[in-house]
Structures are given as structure tokens and as C-alpha cells.
Amino acid sequence: MNLSLRQAILLRVNDKTNEELREVIEDSIGGEERVLPGLGVLFEIIWQHCDDETQNGLIETLQGHLG
């Protein structure tokens, strides 16, 4: 079986509880750079399933914390 990085990440978090998902995210933030692709995949899912208002809020949050 040959999995893509995205598929491997999704398999890792599949069937996790809300608390377990939070732990995965919090453990990844500020950690090693090798976990950044995983956060990217999770953010992609969040982004794709948010309405425009939520996306705009995420962008404003990001913008407010850059430079």
C-alpha cells in the first residue's frame, strides 16, 4: 500500500475524539518542522468546510498576528 502524505495524516486523525484532535493540534504547534504538513492538511479541511464569514475571521486573525 502506497499512501500519500495527506492520506497518512488523515488516517492518523481518523476516529479521534474532539479532545484527541485538540491534543494532536496543540502538540504539533511550535514543534518540529516535520509536523507542519500535518497542520496544513488539517487547516485545509477546516478552510474547505467554513463559510465565508469564518474564513474572513481566520484571515483577520492571521493578519493581526503577522509582522
PDB file of N, CA and C in Angstrom:
ATOM      1  N   MET A   1       0.848  -1.166   0.000  1.00  0.00           N
ATOM      2  CA  MET A   1       0.000   0.000   0.000  1.00  0.00           C
ATOM      3  C   MET A   1       0.901   1.239   0.000  1.00  0.00           C
ATOM      4  N   ASN A   2       0.649   2.159  -0.902  1.00  0.00           N
ATOM      5  CA  ASN A   2       1.450   3.358  -1.039  1.00  0.00           C
ATOM      6  C   ASN A   2       0.566   4.576  -0.754  1.00  0.00           C
ATOM      7  N   LEU A   3       0.729   5.169   0.436  1.00  0.00           N
ATOM      8  CA  LEU A   3      -0.107   6.287   0.847  1.00  0.00           C
ATOM      9  C   LEU A   3       0.589   7.611   0.579  1.00  0.00           C
ATOM     10  N   SER A   4      -0.190   8.601   0.208  1.00  0.00           N
ATOM     11  CA  SER A   4       0.346   9.955   0.121  1.00  0.00           C
ATOM     12  C   SER A   4       0.458  10.508   1.538  1.00  0.00           C
ATOM     13  N   LEU A   5       1.204  11.588   1.673  1.00  0.00           N
ATOM     14  CA  LEU A   5       1.339  12.228   2.981  1.00  0.00           C
ATOM     15  C   LEU A   5      -0.026  12.655   3.507  1.00  0.00           C
ATOM     16  N   ARG A   6      -0.845  13.228   2.636  1.00  0.00           N
ATOM     17  CA  ARG A   6      -2.191  13.666   3.032  1.00  0.00           C
ATOM     18  C   ARG A   6      -3.014  12.477   3.555  1.00  0.00           C
ATOM     19  N   GLN A   7      -2.985  11.378   2.839  1.00  0.00           N
ATOM     20  CA  GLN A   7      -3.742  10.192   3.256  1.00  0.00           C
ATOM     21  C   GLN A   7      -3.242   9.669   4.599  1.00  0.00           C
ATOM     22  N   ALA A   8      -1.932   9.647   4.782  1.00  0.00           N
ATOM     23  CA  ALA A   8      -1.358   9.166   6.041  1.00  0.00           C
ATOM     24  C   ALA A   8      -1.793  10.042   7.210  1.00  0.00           C
ATOM     25  N   ILE A   9      -1.815  11.342   6.993  1.00  0.00           N
ATOM     26  CA  ILE A   9      -2.235  12.267   8.052  1.00  0.00           C
ATOM     27  C   ILE A   9      -3.705  12.056   8.381  1.00  0.00           C
ATOM     28  N   LEU A  10      -4.527  11.925   7.354  1.00  0.00           N
ATOM     29  CA  LEU A  10      -5.955  11.718   7.585  1.00  0.00           C
ATOM     30  C   LEU A  10      -6.216  10.401   8.313  1.00  0.00           C
ATOM     31  N   LEU A  11      -5.476   9.373   7.988  1.00  0.00           N
ATOM     32  CA  LEU A  11      -5.617   8.095   8.692  1.00  0.00           C
ATOM     33  C   LEU A  11      -5.220   8.233  10.156  1.00  0.00           C
ATOM     34  N   ARG A  12      -4.208   9.051  10.421  1.00  0.00           N
ATOM     35  CA  ARG A  12      -3.735   9.239  11.789  1.00  0.00           C
ATOM     36  C   ARG A  12      -4.796   9.890  12.673  1.00  0.00           C
ATOM     37  N   VAL A  13      -5.581  10.797  12.111  1.00  0.00           N
ATOM     38  CA  VAL A  13      -6.559  11.508  12.935  1.00  0.00           C
ATOM     39  C   VAL A  13      -7.977  10.972  12.794  1.00  0.00           C
ATOM     40  N   ASN A  14      -8.171  10.021  11.915  1.00  0.00           N
ATOM     41  CA  ASN A  14      -9.499   9.437  11.717  1.00  0.00           C
ATOM     42  C   ASN A  14      -9.991   8.803  13.018  1.00  0.00           C
ATOM     43  N   ASP A  15     -11.231   9.029  13.338  1.00  0.00           N
ATOM     44  CA  ASP A  15     -11.888   8.458  14.523  1.00  0.00           C
ATOM     45  C   ASP A  15     -11.354   8.985  15.851  1.00  0.00           C
ATOM     46  N   LYS A  16     -10.675  10.136  15.835  1.00  0.00           N
ATOM     47  CA  LYS A  16     -10.216  10.738  17.088  1.00  0.00           C
ATOM     48  C   LYS A  16     -11.373  11.524  17.700  1.00  0.00           C
ATOM     49  N   THR A  17     -11.387  11.591  19.011  1.00  0.00           N
ATOM     50  CA  THR A  17     -12.370  12.418  19.705  1.00  0.00           C
ATOM     51  C   THR A  17     -11.962  13.886  19.568  1.00  0.00           C
ATOM     52  N   ASN A  18     -12.866  14.784  19.931  1.00  0.00           N
ATOM     53  CA  ASN A  18     -12.539  16.212  19.911  1.00  0.00           C
ATOM     54  C   ASN A  18     -11.315  16.500  20.777  1.00  0.00           C
ATOM     55  N   GLU A  19     -11.266  15.896  21.944  1.00  0.00           N
ATOM     56  CA  GLU A  19     -10.132  16.098  22.855  1.00  0.00           C
ATOM     57  C   GLU A  19      -8.835  15.585  22.234  1.00  0.00           C
ATOM     58  N   GLU A  20      -8.885  14.429  21.596  1.00  0.00           N
ATOM     59  CA  GLU A  20      -7.698  13.870  20.953  1.00  0.00           C
ATOM     60  C   GLU A  20      -7.240  14.736  19.779  1.00  0.00           C
ATOM     61  N   LEU A  21      -8.196  15.273  19.004  1.00  0.00           N
ATOM     62  CA  LEU A  21      -7.836  16.169  17.907  1.00  0.00           C
ATOM     63  C   LEU A  21      -7.165  17.431  18.435  1.00  0.00           C
ATOM     64  N   ARG A  22      -7.697  17.970  19.517  1.00  0.00           N
ATOM     65  CA  ARG A  22      -7.093  19.157  20.136  1.00  0.00           C
ATOM     66  C   ARG A  22      -5.655  18.844  20.555  1.00  0.00           C
ATOM     67  N   GLU A  23      -5.436  17.691  21.154  1.00  0.00           N
ATOM     68  CA  GLU A  23      -4.091  17.299  21.584  1.00  0.00           C
ATOM     69  C   GLU A  23      -3.140  17.188  20.390  1.00  0.00           C
ATOM     70  N   VAL A  24      -3.611  16.599  19.294  1.00  0.00           N
ATOM     71  CA  VAL A  24      -2.782  16.480  18.094  1.00  0.00           C
ATOM     72  C   VAL A  24      -2.360  17.864  17.617  1.00  0.00           C
ATOM     73  N   ILE A  25      -3.323  18.788  17.567  1.00  0.00           N
ATOM     74  CA  ILE A  25      -3.034  20.141  17.098  1.00  0.00           C
ATOM     75  C   ILE A  25      -2.089  20.851  18.057  1.00  0.00           C
ATOM     76  N   GLU A  26      -2.403  20.826  19.339  1.00  0.00           N
ATOM     77  CA  GLU A  26      -1.586  21.539  20.316  1.00  0.00           C
ATOM     78  C   GLU A  26      -0.177  20.959  20.409  1.00  0.00           C
ATOM     79  N   ASP A  27      -0.048  19.656  20.282  1.00  0.00           N
ATOM     80  CA  ASP A  27       1.274  19.026  20.312  1.00  0.00           C
ATOM     81  C   ASP A  27       2.093  19.384  19.083  1.00  0.00           C
ATOM     82  N   SER A  28       1.408  19.675  17.986  1.00  0.00           N
ATOM     83  CA  SER A  28       2.104  19.994  16.734  1.00  0.00           C
ATOM     84  C   SER A  28       2.555  21.451  16.672  1.00  0.00           C
ATOM     85  N   ILE A  29       1.815  22.330  17.306  1.00  0.00           N
ATOM     86  CA  ILE A  29       2.125  23.759  17.244  1.00  0.00           C
ATOM     87  C   ILE A  29       3.409  24.028  18.021  1.00  0.00           C
ATOM     88  N   GLY A  30       4.322  24.703  17.340  1.00  0.00           N
ATOM     89  CA  GLY A  30       5.596  25.046  17.964  1.00  0.00           C
ATOM     90  C   GLY A  30       6.560  23.881  18.041  1.00  0.00           C
ATOM     91  N   GLY A  31       6.175  22.765  17.466  1.00  0.00           N
ATOM     92  CA  GLY A  31       7.027  21.572  17.491  1.00  0.00           C
ATOM     93  C   GLY A  31       7.982  21.549  16.320  1.00  0.00           C
ATOM     94  N   GLU A  32       8.405  20.379  15.996  1.00  0.00           N
ATOM     95  CA  GLU A  32       9.355  20.192  14.902  1.00  0.00           C
ATOM     96  C   GLU A  32       8.721  20.561  13.562  1.00  0.00           C
ATOM     97  N   GLU A  33       9.552  20.996  12.640  1.00  0.00           N
ATOM     98  CA  GLU A  33       9.044  21.404  11.326  1.00  0.00           C
ATOM     99  C   GLU A  33       8.413  20.242  10.564  1.00  0.00           C
ATOM    100  N   ARG A  34       8.760  19.041  10.903  1.00  0.00           N
ATOM    101  CA  ARG A  34       8.212  17.897  10.174  1.00  0.00           C
ATOM    102  C   ARG A  34       6.709  17.730  10.391  1.00  0.00           C
ATOM    103  N   VAL A  35       6.164  18.361  11.428  1.00  0.00           N
ATOM    104  CA  VAL A  35       4.716  18.258  11.679  1.00  0.00           C
ATOM    105  C   VAL A  35       3.925  19.335  10.943  1.00  0.00           C
ATOM    106  N   LEU A  36       4.593  20.313  10.363  1.00  0.00           N
ATOM    107  CA  LEU A  36       3.881  21.395   9.671  1.00  0.00           C
ATOM    108  C   LEU A  36       2.988  20.907   8.533  1.00  0.00           C
ATOM    109  N   PRO A  37       3.411  19.931   7.722  1.00  0.00           N
ATOM    110  CA  PRO A  37       2.488  19.450   6.682  1.00  0.00           C
ATOM    111  C   PRO A  37       1.187  18.890   7.267  1.00  0.00           C
ATOM    112  N   GLY A  38       1.273  18.262   8.422  1.00  0.00           N
ATOM    113  CA  GLY A  38       0.071  17.730   9.065  1.00  0.00           C
ATOM    114  C   GLY A  38      -0.888  18.826   9.462  1.00  0.00           C
ATOM    115  N   LEU A  39      -0.349  19.903  10.015  1.00  0.00           N
ATOM    116  CA  LEU A  39      -1.197  21.047  10.352  1.00  0.00           C
ATOM    117  C   LEU A  39      -1.799  21.661   9.103  1.00  0.00           C
ATOM    118  N   GLY A  40      -1.036  21.655   8.023  1.00  0.00           N
ATOM    119  CA  GLY A  40      -1.552  22.182   6.754  1.00  0.00           C
ATOM    120  C   GLY A  40      -2.736  21.383   6.245  1.00  0.00           C
ATOM    121  N   VAL A  41      -2.658  20.073   6.358  1.00  0.00           N
ATOM    122  CA  VAL A  41      -3.759  19.212   5.915  1.00  0.00           C
ATOM    123  C   VAL A  41      -4.990  19.459   6.790  1.00  0.00           C
ATOM    124  N   LEU A  42      -4.785  19.579   8.096  1.00  0.00           N
ATOM    125  CA  LEU A  42      -5.917  19.837   8.988  1.00  0.00           C
ATOM    126  C   LEU A  42      -6.525  21.209   8.713  1.00  0.00           C
ATOM    127  N   PHE A  43      -5.668  22.222   8.467  1.00  0.00           N
ATOM    128  CA  PHE A  43      -6.182  23.550   8.141  1.00  0.00           C
ATOM    129  C   PHE A  43      -6.957  23.522   6.829  1.00  0.00           C
ATOM    130  N   GLU A  44      -6.473  22.765   5.869  1.00  0.00           N
ATOM    131  CA  GLU A  44      -7.171  22.643   4.581  1.00  0.00           C
ATOM    132  C   GLU A  44      -8.601  22.140   4.791  1.00  0.00           C
ATOM    133  N   ILE A  45      -8.760  21.150   5.646  1.00  0.00           N
ATOM    134  CA  ILE A  45     -10.094  20.605   5.918  1.00  0.00           C
ATOM    135  C   ILE A  45     -10.964  21.661   6.589  1.00  0.00           C
ATOM    136  N   ILE A  46     -10.411  22.359   7.566  1.00  0.00           N
ATOM    137  CA  ILE A  46     -11.157  23.416   8.247  1.00  0.00           C
ATOM    138  C   ILE A  46     -11.590  24.470   7.242  1.00  0.00           C
ATOM    139  N   TRP A  47     -10.653  24.938   6.423  1.00  0.00           N
ATOM    140  CA  TRP A  47     -10.920  26.000   5.453  1.00  0.00           C
ATOM    141  C   TRP A  47     -12.025  25.594   4.477  1.00  0.00           C
ATOM    142  N   GLN A  48     -11.944  24.375   3.974  1.00  0.00           N
ATOM    143  CA  GLN A  48     -12.899  23.912   2.972  1.00  0.00           C
ATOM    144  C   GLN A  48     -14.317  23.792   3.523  1.00  0.00           C
ATOM    145  N   HIS A  49     -14.443  23.677   4.829  1.00  0.00           N
ATOM    146  CA  HIS A  49     -15.757  23.455   5.424  1.00  0.00           C
ATOM    147  C   HIS A  49     -16.250  24.635   6.258  1.00  0.00           C
ATOM    148  N   CYS A  50     -15.616  25.798   6.084  1.00  0.00           N
ATOM    149  CA  CYS A  50     -16.054  27.020   6.755  1.00  0.00           C
ATOM    150  C   CYS A  50     -16.795  27.905   5.769  1.00  0.00           C
ATOM    151  N   ASP A  51     -17.733  28.661   6.289  1.00  0.00           N
ATOM    152  CA  ASP A  51     -18.409  29.641   5.442  1.00  0.00           C
ATOM    153  C   ASP A  51     -17.504  30.859   5.260  1.00  0.00           C
ATOM    154  N   ASP A  52     -17.908  31.759   4.381  1.00  0.00           N
ATOM    155  CA  ASP A  52     -17.100  32.944   4.063  1.00  0.00           C
ATOM    156  C   ASP A  52     -16.810  33.787   5.297  1.00  0.00           C
ATOM    157  N   GLU A  53     -17.781  33.932   6.161  1.00  0.00           N
ATOM    158  CA  GLU A  53     -17.596  34.747   7.363  1.00  0.00           C
ATOM    159  C   GLU A  53     -16.497  34.158   8.260  1.00  0.00           C
ATOM    160  N   THR A  54     -16.514  32.860   8.448  1.00  0.00           N
ATOM    161  CA  THR A  54     -15.495  32.206   9.265  1.00  0.00           C
ATOM    162  C   THR A  54     -14.132  32.301   8.593  1.00  0.00           C
ATOM    163  N   GLN A  55     -14.084  32.093   7.273  1.00  0.00           N
ATOM    164  CA  GLN A  55     -12.818  32.235   6.548  1.00  0.00           C
ATOM    165  C   GLN A  55     -12.264  33.646   6.712  1.00  0.00           C
ATOM    166  N   ASN A  56     -13.129  34.655   6.591  1.00  0.00           N
ATOM    167  CA  ASN A  56     -12.684  36.037   6.772  1.00  0.00           C
ATOM    168  C   ASN A  56     -12.161  36.268   8.184  1.00  0.00           C
ATOM    169  N   GLY A  57     -12.802  35.674   9.164  1.00  0.00           N
ATOM    170  CA  GLY A  57     -12.332  35.776  10.544  1.00  0.00           C
ATOM    171  C   GLY A  57     -10.963  35.140  10.728  1.00  0.00           C
ATOM    172  N   LEU A  58     -10.758  34.001  10.088  1.00  0.00           N
ATOM    173  CA  LEU A  58      -9.448  33.339  10.155  1.00  0.00           C
ATOM    174  C   LEU A  58      -8.366  34.211   9.518  1.00  0.00           C
ATOM    175  N   ILE A  59      -8.691  34.812   8.393  1.00  0.00           N
ATOM    176  CA  ILE A  59      -7.741  35.682   7.707  1.00  0.00           C
ATOM    177  C   ILE A  59      -7.425  36.903   8.570  1.00  0.00           C
ATOM    178  N   GLU A  60      -8.443  37.493   9.187  1.00  0.00           N
ATOM    179  CA  GLU A  60      -8.221  38.646  10.055  1.00  0.00           C
ATOM    180  C   GLU A  60      -7.347  38.273  11.245  1.00  0.00           C
ATOM    181  N   THR A  61      -7.589  37.104  11.824  1.00  0.00           N
ATOM    182  CA  THR A  61      -6.755  36.638  12.928  1.00  0.00           C
ATOM    183  C   THR A  61      -5.314  36.484  12.491  1.00  0.00           C
ATOM    184  N   LEU A  62      -5.122  35.855  11.342  1.00  0.00           N
ATOM    185  CA  LEU A  62      -3.775  35.673  10.804  1.00  0.00           C
ATOM    186  C   LEU A  62      -3.108  37.023  10.542  1.00  0.00           C
ATOM    187  N   GLN A  63      -3.811  37.895   9.861  1.00  0.00           N
ATOM    188  CA  GLN A  63      -3.272  39.209   9.522  1.00  0.00           C
ATOM    189  C   GLN A  63      -2.894  39.988  10.780  1.00  0.00           C
ATOM    190  N   GLY A  64      -3.706  39.867  11.796  1.00  0.00           N
ATOM    191  CA  GLY A  64      -3.458  40.580  13.045  1.00  0.00           C
ATOM    192  C   GLY A  64      -2.238  40.096  13.802  1.00  0.00           C
ATOM    193  N   HIS A  65      -1.733  38.932  13.439  1.00  0.00           N
ATOM    194  CA  HIS A  65      -0.595  38.362  14.162  1.00  0.00           C
ATOM    195  C   HIS A  65       0.654  38.238  13.305  1.00  0.00           C
ATOM    196  N   LEU A  66       0.634  38.820  12.126  1.00  0.00           N
ATOM    197  CA  LEU A  66       1.807  38.823  11.258  1.00  0.00           C
ATOM    198  C   LEU A  66       2.543  40.146  11.421  1.00  0.00           C
ATOM    199  N   GLY A  67       3.856  40.051  11.459  1.00  0.00           N
ATOM    200  CA  GLY A  67       4.747  41.218  11.482  1.00  0.00           C
ATOM    201  C   GLY A  67       4.199  42.315  12.240  1.00  0.00           C
TER     202      GLY A  67
END
